[in-house]
């Protein structure tokens, strides 16, 4: 697993504790690259996504956002 903290899109603070989050990716033989965001403080984890951008979008989504409608 790799830490993309140098090239990651901007992430919102953790919705549970306010901690900083970072994106992680995993790739292997014969599989696509997938990623997720995780809080450095409470270790809350966002959903797996098929790209870094999609993982950031999922993490940044909050209840009440227009994107959720």
PDB file of N, CA and C in Angstrom:
ATOM      1  N   UNK A   1       0.845  -1.164   0.000  1.00  0.00           N
ATOM      2  CA  UNK A   1       0.000   0.000   0.000  1.00  0.00           C
ATOM      3  C   UNK A   1       0.896   1.234   0.000  1.00  0.00           C
ATOM      4  N   UNK A   2       0.495   2.274  -0.698  1.00  0.00           N
ATOM      5  CA  UNK A   2       1.303   3.478  -0.821  1.00  0.00           C
ATOM      6  C   UNK A   2       0.598   4.683  -0.225  1.00  0.00           C
ATOM      7  N   UNK A   3       1.371   5.599   0.318  1.00  0.00           N
ATOM      8  CA  UNK A   3       0.857   6.861   0.836  1.00  0.00           C
ATOM      9  C   UNK A   3       1.045   7.913  -0.246  1.00  0.00           C
ATOM     10  N   UNK A   4      -0.039   8.570  -0.652  1.00  0.00           N
ATOM     11  CA  UNK A   4       0.032   9.579  -1.704  1.00  0.00           C
ATOM     12  C   UNK A   4      -0.035  10.989  -1.138  1.00  0.00           C
ATOM     13  N   UNK A   5       0.472  11.219   0.053  1.00  0.00           N
ATOM     14  CA  UNK A   5       0.294  12.507   0.719  1.00  0.00           C
ATOM     15  C   UNK A   5       0.924  13.669  -0.047  1.00  0.00           C
ATOM     16  N   UNK A   6       1.899  13.421  -0.913  1.00  0.00           N
ATOM     17  CA  UNK A   6       2.516  14.505  -1.664  1.00  0.00           C
ATOM     18  C   UNK A   6       1.689  14.932  -2.869  1.00  0.00           C
ATOM     19  N   UNK A   7       0.860  14.047  -3.400  1.00  0.00           N
ATOM     20  CA  UNK A   7       0.116  14.357  -4.620  1.00  0.00           C
ATOM     21  C   UNK A   7      -1.391  14.239  -4.448  1.00  0.00           C
ATOM     22  N   UNK A   8      -1.860  14.102  -3.249  1.00  0.00           N
ATOM     23  CA  UNK A   8      -3.280  13.855  -3.032  1.00  0.00           C
ATOM     24  C   UNK A   8      -4.118  15.109  -3.228  1.00  0.00           C
ATOM     25  N   UNK A   9      -5.357  14.932  -3.674  1.00  0.00           N
ATOM     26  CA  UNK A   9      -6.286  16.055  -3.727  1.00  0.00           C
ATOM     27  C   UNK A   9      -6.570  16.547  -2.307  1.00  0.00           C
ATOM     28  N   UNK A  10      -7.085  17.760  -2.204  1.00  0.00           N
ATOM     29  CA  UNK A  10      -7.408  18.320  -0.887  1.00  0.00           C
ATOM     30  C   UNK A  10      -8.543  17.523  -0.254  1.00  0.00           C
ATOM     31  N   UNK A  11      -8.357  17.136   1.003  1.00  0.00           N
ATOM     32  CA  UNK A  11      -9.363  16.378   1.743  1.00  0.00           C
ATOM     33  C   UNK A  11      -9.924  17.216   2.881  1.00  0.00           C
ATOM     34  N   UNK A  12     -11.213  17.063   3.128  1.00  0.00           N
ATOM     35  CA  UNK A  12     -11.836  17.716   4.277  1.00  0.00           C
ATOM     36  C   UNK A  12     -11.372  17.022   5.551  1.00  0.00           C
ATOM     37  N   UNK A  13     -11.552  17.716   6.683  1.00  0.00           N
ATOM     38  CA  UNK A  13     -11.246  17.109   7.977  1.00  0.00           C
ATOM     39  C   UNK A  13     -12.167  15.925   8.218  1.00  0.00           C
ATOM     40  N   UNK A  14     -11.757  15.040   9.110  1.00  0.00           N
ATOM     41  CA  UNK A  14     -12.567  13.875   9.463  1.00  0.00           C
ATOM     42  C   UNK A  14     -13.912  14.339  10.015  1.00  0.00           C
ATOM     43  N   UNK A  15     -15.018  13.765   9.530  1.00  0.00           N
ATOM     44  CA  UNK A  15     -16.334  14.173  10.022  1.00  0.00           C
ATOM     45  C   UNK A  15     -16.612  13.699  11.448  1.00  0.00           C
ATOM     46  N   UNK A  16     -15.795  12.816  11.973  1.00  0.00           N
ATOM     47  CA  UNK A  16     -16.021  12.266  13.309  1.00  0.00           C
ATOM     48  C   UNK A  16     -15.181  12.950  14.385  1.00  0.00           C
ATOM     49  N   UNK A  17     -13.899  13.221  14.079  1.00  0.00           N
ATOM     50  CA  UNK A  17     -13.020  13.775  15.115  1.00  0.00           C
ATOM     51  C   UNK A  17     -12.333  15.072  14.709  1.00  0.00           C
ATOM     52  N   UNK A  18     -12.441  15.462  13.437  1.00  0.00           N
ATOM     53  CA  UNK A  18     -11.794  16.682  12.967  1.00  0.00           C
ATOM     54  C   UNK A  18     -10.333  16.502  12.604  1.00  0.00           C
ATOM     55  N   UNK A  19      -9.846  15.260  12.635  1.00  0.00           N
ATOM     56  CA  UNK A  19      -8.450  14.982  12.308  1.00  0.00           C
ATOM     57  C   UNK A  19      -8.155  15.121  10.823  1.00  0.00           C
ATOM     58  N   UNK A  20      -6.875  15.099  10.492  1.00  0.00           N
ATOM     59  CA  UNK A  20      -6.443  15.151   9.097  1.00  0.00           C
ATOM     60  C   UNK A  20      -6.584  13.775   8.462  1.00  0.00           C
ATOM     61  N   UNK A  21      -6.871  13.773   7.172  1.00  0.00           N
ATOM     62  CA  UNK A  21      -7.012  12.519   6.436  1.00  0.00           C
ATOM     63  C   UNK A  21      -5.957  12.447   5.347  1.00  0.00           C
ATOM     64  N   UNK A  22      -5.667  11.232   4.928  1.00  0.00           N
ATOM     65  CA  UNK A  22      -4.772  11.032   3.791  1.00  0.00           C
ATOM     66  C   UNK A  22      -5.336   9.926   2.917  1.00  0.00           C
ATOM     67  N   UNK A  23      -4.887   9.907   1.671  1.00  0.00           N
ATOM     68  CA  UNK A  23      -5.335   8.895   0.719  1.00  0.00           C
ATOM     69  C   UNK A  23      -4.320   7.766   0.650  1.00  0.00           C
ATOM     70  N   UNK A  24      -4.833   6.562   0.521  1.00  0.00           N
ATOM     71  CA  UNK A  24      -4.010   5.368   0.362  1.00  0.00           C
ATOM     72  C   UNK A  24      -4.462   4.644  -0.896  1.00  0.00           C
ATOM     73  N   UNK A  25      -3.517   4.023  -1.590  1.00  0.00           N
ATOM     74  CA  UNK A  25      -3.845   3.250  -2.786  1.00  0.00           C
ATOM     75  C   UNK A  25      -3.261   1.856  -2.678  1.00  0.00           C
ATOM     76  N   UNK A  26      -3.888   0.946  -3.394  1.00  0.00           N
ATOM     77  CA  UNK A  26      -3.399  -0.427  -3.445  1.00  0.00           C
ATOM     78  C   UNK A  26      -3.506  -0.909  -4.882  1.00  0.00           C
ATOM     79  N   UNK A  27      -2.470  -1.550  -5.335  1.00  0.00           N
ATOM     80  CA  UNK A  27      -2.455  -2.108  -6.684  1.00  0.00           C
ATOM     81  C   UNK A  27      -1.698  -3.427  -6.637  1.00  0.00           C
ATOM     82  N   UNK A  28      -2.021  -4.279  -7.543  1.00  0.00           N
ATOM     83  CA  UNK A  28      -1.343  -5.561  -7.604  1.00  0.00           C
ATOM     84  C   UNK A  28      -1.359  -6.095  -9.020  1.00  0.00           C
ATOM     85  N   UNK A  29      -0.856  -7.273  -9.185  1.00  0.00           N
ATOM     86  CA  UNK A  29      -0.825  -7.895 -10.502  1.00  0.00           C
ATOM     87  C   UNK A  29      -2.250  -8.190 -10.947  1.00  0.00           C
ATOM     88  N   UNK A  30      -2.564  -7.795 -12.157  1.00  0.00           N
ATOM     89  CA  UNK A  30      -3.868  -8.050 -12.781  1.00  0.00           C
ATOM     90  C   UNK A  30      -5.048  -7.373 -12.082  1.00  0.00           C
ATOM     91  N   UNK A  31      -4.795  -6.326 -11.293  1.00  0.00           N
ATOM     92  CA  UNK A  31      -5.917  -5.569 -10.733  1.00  0.00           C
ATOM     93  C   UNK A  31      -5.686  -4.089 -10.968  1.00  0.00           C
ATOM     94  N   UNK A  32      -6.759  -3.350 -10.999  1.00  0.00           N
ATOM     95  CA  UNK A  32      -6.670  -1.909 -11.142  1.00  0.00           C
ATOM     96  C   UNK A  32      -6.214  -1.286  -9.828  1.00  0.00           C
ATOM     97  N   UNK A  33      -5.842  -0.038  -9.901  1.00  0.00           N
ATOM     98  CA  UNK A  33      -5.478   0.716  -8.702  1.00  0.00           C
ATOM     99  C   UNK A  33      -6.752   1.168  -8.011  1.00  0.00           C
ATOM    100  N   UNK A  34      -6.849   0.912  -6.725  1.00  0.00           N
ATOM    101  CA  UNK A  34      -7.983   1.341  -5.912  1.00  0.00           C
ATOM    102  C   UNK A  34      -7.445   2.144  -4.746  1.00  0.00           C
ATOM    103  N   UNK A  35      -8.284   3.013  -4.181  1.00  0.00           N
ATOM    104  CA  UNK A  35      -7.828   3.815  -3.054  1.00  0.00           C
ATOM    105  C   UNK A  35      -8.938   4.118  -2.071  1.00  0.00           C
ATOM    106  N   UNK A  36      -8.538   4.652  -0.932  1.00  0.00           N
ATOM    107  CA  UNK A  36      -9.488   5.089   0.092  1.00  0.00           C
ATOM    108  C   UNK A  36      -8.825   6.183   0.917  1.00  0.00           C
ATOM    109  N   UNK A  37      -9.628   6.947   1.638  1.00  0.00           N
ATOM    110  CA  UNK A  37      -9.119   7.965   2.552  1.00  0.00           C
ATOM    111  C   UNK A  37      -9.257   7.444   3.975  1.00  0.00           C
ATOM    112  N   UNK A  38      -8.318   7.826   4.822  1.00  0.00           N
ATOM    113  CA  UNK A  38      -8.349   7.389   6.216  1.00  0.00           C
ATOM    114  C   UNK A  38      -7.888   8.531   7.113  1.00  0.00           C
ATOM    115  N   UNK A  39      -8.552   8.688   8.250  1.00  0.00           N
ATOM    116  CA  UNK A  39      -8.197   9.707   9.237  1.00  0.00           C
ATOM    117  C   UNK A  39      -6.934   9.281   9.982  1.00  0.00           C
ATOM    118  N   UNK A  40      -5.991  10.208  10.118  1.00  0.00           N
ATOM    119  CA  UNK A  40      -4.756   9.923  10.854  1.00  0.00           C
ATOM    120  C   UNK A  40      -4.989   9.785  12.355  1.00  0.00           C
ATOM    121  N   UNK A  41      -6.061  10.383  12.855  1.00  0.00           N
ATOM    122  CA  UNK A  41      -6.288  10.407  14.296  1.00  0.00           C
ATOM    123  C   UNK A  41      -7.161   9.248  14.776  1.00  0.00           C
ATOM    124  N   UNK A  42      -8.379   9.144  14.248  1.00  0.00           N
ATOM    125  CA  UNK A  42      -9.307   8.109  14.746  1.00  0.00           C
ATOM    126  C   UNK A  42      -9.382   6.889  13.830  1.00  0.00           C
ATOM    127  N   UNK A  43      -8.685   6.939  12.695  1.00  0.00           N
ATOM    128  CA  UNK A  43      -8.623   5.847  11.727  1.00  0.00           C
ATOM    129  C   UNK A  43      -9.954   5.541  11.049  1.00  0.00           C
ATOM    130  N   UNK A  44     -10.882   6.513  11.044  1.00  0.00           N
ATOM    131  CA  UNK A  44     -12.099   6.344  10.249  1.00  0.00           C
ATOM    132  C   UNK A  44     -11.672   6.203   8.796  1.00  0.00           C
ATOM    133  N   UNK A  45     -12.348   5.344   8.070  1.00  0.00           N
ATOM    134  CA  UNK A  45     -11.949   5.055   6.699  1.00  0.00           C
ATOM    135  C   UNK A  45     -13.121   5.269   5.759  1.00  0.00           C
ATOM    136  N   UNK A  46     -12.839   5.912   4.637  1.00  0.00           N
ATOM    137  CA  UNK A  46     -13.842   6.098   3.599  1.00  0.00           C
ATOM    138  C   UNK A  46     -13.965   4.845   2.752  1.00  0.00           C
ATOM    139  N   UNK A  47     -14.904   4.870   1.844  1.00  0.00           N
ATOM    140  CA  UNK A  47     -15.153   3.729   0.964  1.00  0.00           C
ATOM    141  C   UNK A  47     -14.022   3.562  -0.053  1.00  0.00           C
ATOM    142  N   UNK A  48     -13.768   2.309  -0.432  1.00  0.00           N
ATOM    143  CA  UNK A  48     -12.836   2.033  -1.522  1.00  0.00           C
ATOM    144  C   UNK A  48     -13.390   2.661  -2.788  1.00  0.00           C
ATOM    145  N   UNK A  49     -12.498   3.148  -3.643  1.00  0.00           N
ATOM    146  CA  UNK A  49     -12.901   3.774  -4.898  1.00  0.00           C
ATOM    147  C   UNK A  49     -11.896   3.398  -5.986  1.00  0.00           C
ATOM    148  N   UNK A  50     -12.324   3.425  -7.257  1.00  0.00           N
ATOM    149  CA  UNK A  50     -11.457   2.985  -8.351  1.00  0.00           C
ATOM    150  C   UNK A  50     -10.405   4.004  -8.784  1.00  0.00           C
ATOM    151  N   UNK A  51     -10.293   5.135  -8.093  1.00  0.00           N
ATOM    152  CA  UNK A  51      -9.256   6.118  -8.398  1.00  0.00           C
ATOM    153  C   UNK A  51      -9.028   7.001  -7.177  1.00  0.00           C
ATOM    154  N   UNK A  52      -7.901   7.689  -7.166  1.00  0.00           N
ATOM    155  CA  UNK A  52      -7.596   8.606  -6.072  1.00  0.00           C
ATOM    156  C   UNK A  52      -8.626   9.728  -6.032  1.00  0.00           C
ATOM    157  N   UNK A  53      -8.967  10.260  -7.207  1.00  0.00           N
ATOM    158  CA  UNK A  53      -9.953  11.349  -7.262  1.00  0.00           C
ATOM    159  C   UNK A  53     -11.306  10.896  -6.726  1.00  0.00           C
ATOM    160  N   UNK A  54     -11.727   9.695  -7.074  1.00  0.00           N
ATOM    161  CA  UNK A  54     -13.015   9.175  -6.595  1.00  0.00           C
ATOM    162  C   UNK A  54     -12.977   8.926  -5.089  1.00  0.00           C
ATOM    163  N   UNK A  55     -11.851   8.455  -4.572  1.00  0.00           N
ATOM    164  CA  UNK A  55     -11.725   8.239  -3.128  1.00  0.00           C
ATOM    165  C   UNK A  55     -11.819   9.570  -2.385  1.00  0.00           C
ATOM    166  N   UNK A  56     -11.183  10.609  -2.917  1.00  0.00           N
ATOM    167  CA  UNK A  56     -11.254  11.936  -2.299  1.00  0.00           C
ATOM    168  C   UNK A  56     -12.679  12.470  -2.349  1.00  0.00           C
ATOM    169  N   UNK A  57     -13.348  12.278  -3.476  1.00  0.00           N
ATOM    170  CA  UNK A  57     -14.737  12.731  -3.610  1.00  0.00           C
ATOM    171  C   UNK A  57     -15.638  12.042  -2.588  1.00  0.00           C
ATOM    172  N   UNK A  58     -15.465  10.746  -2.415  1.00  0.00           N
ATOM    173  CA  UNK A  58     -16.275  10.009  -1.436  1.00  0.00           C
ATOM    174  C   UNK A  58     -15.996  10.506  -0.017  1.00  0.00           C
ATOM    175  N   UNK A  59     -14.726  10.737   0.323  1.00  0.00           N
ATOM    176  CA  UNK A  59     -14.381  11.208   1.659  1.00  0.00           C
ATOM    177  C   UNK A  59     -14.957  12.606   1.913  1.00  0.00           C
ATOM    178  N   UNK A  60     -14.886  13.462   0.912  1.00  0.00           N
ATOM    179  CA  UNK A  60     -15.315  14.850   1.072  1.00  0.00           C
ATOM    180  C   UNK A  60     -16.830  15.023   1.057  1.00  0.00           C
ATOM    181  N   UNK A  61     -17.566  14.016   0.669  1.00  0.00           N
ATOM    182  CA  UNK A  61     -19.030  14.096   0.641  1.00  0.00           C
ATOM    183  C   UNK A  61     -19.560  14.104   2.072  1.00  0.00           C
ATOM    184  N   UNK A  62     -20.496  14.993   2.345  1.00  0.00           N
ATOM    185  CA  UNK A  62     -21.085  15.112   3.682  1.00  0.00           C
ATOM    186  C   UNK A  62     -22.603  15.130   3.581  1.00  0.00           C
ATOM    187  N   UNK A  63     -23.252  14.679   4.627  1.00  0.00           N
ATOM    188  CA  UNK A  63     -24.715  14.718   4.682  1.00  0.00           C
ATOM    189  C   UNK A  63     -25.168  16.154   4.467  1.00  0.00           C
ATOM    190  N   UNK A  64     -26.181  16.324   3.642  1.00  0.00           N
ATOM    191  CA  UNK A  64     -26.699  17.654   3.368  1.00  0.00           C
ATOM    192  C   UNK A  64     -26.080  18.311   2.153  1.00  0.00           C
ATOM    193  N   UNK A  65     -24.968  17.759   1.632  1.00  0.00           N
ATOM    194  CA  UNK A  65     -24.376  18.306   0.415  1.00  0.00           C
ATOM    195  C   UNK A  65     -25.308  18.072  -0.757  1.00  0.00           C
ATOM    196  N   UNK A  66     -25.340  19.006  -1.699  1.00  0.00           N
ATOM    197  CA  UNK A  66     -26.171  18.840  -2.889  1.00  0.00           C
ATOM    198  C   UNK A  66     -25.783  17.592  -3.670  1.00  0.00           C
ATOM    199  N   UNK A  67     -24.505  17.216  -3.627  1.00  0.00           N
ATOM    200  CA  UNK A  67     -24.028  16.048  -4.369  1.00  0.00           C
ATOM    201  C   UNK A  67     -24.698  14.764  -3.901  1.00  0.00           C
ATOM    202  N   UNK A  68     -25.235  14.769  -2.695  1.00  0.00           N
ATOM    203  CA  UNK A  68     -25.883  13.572  -2.160  1.00  0.00           C
ATOM    204  C   UNK A  68     -27.310  13.407  -2.640  1.00  0.00           C
ATOM    205  N   UNK A  69     -27.877  14.437  -3.238  1.00  0.00           N
ATOM    206  CA  UNK A  69     -29.283  14.374  -3.645  1.00  0.00           C
ATOM    207  C   UNK A  69     -29.476  13.590  -4.907  1.00  0.00           C
TER     208      UNK A  69
END
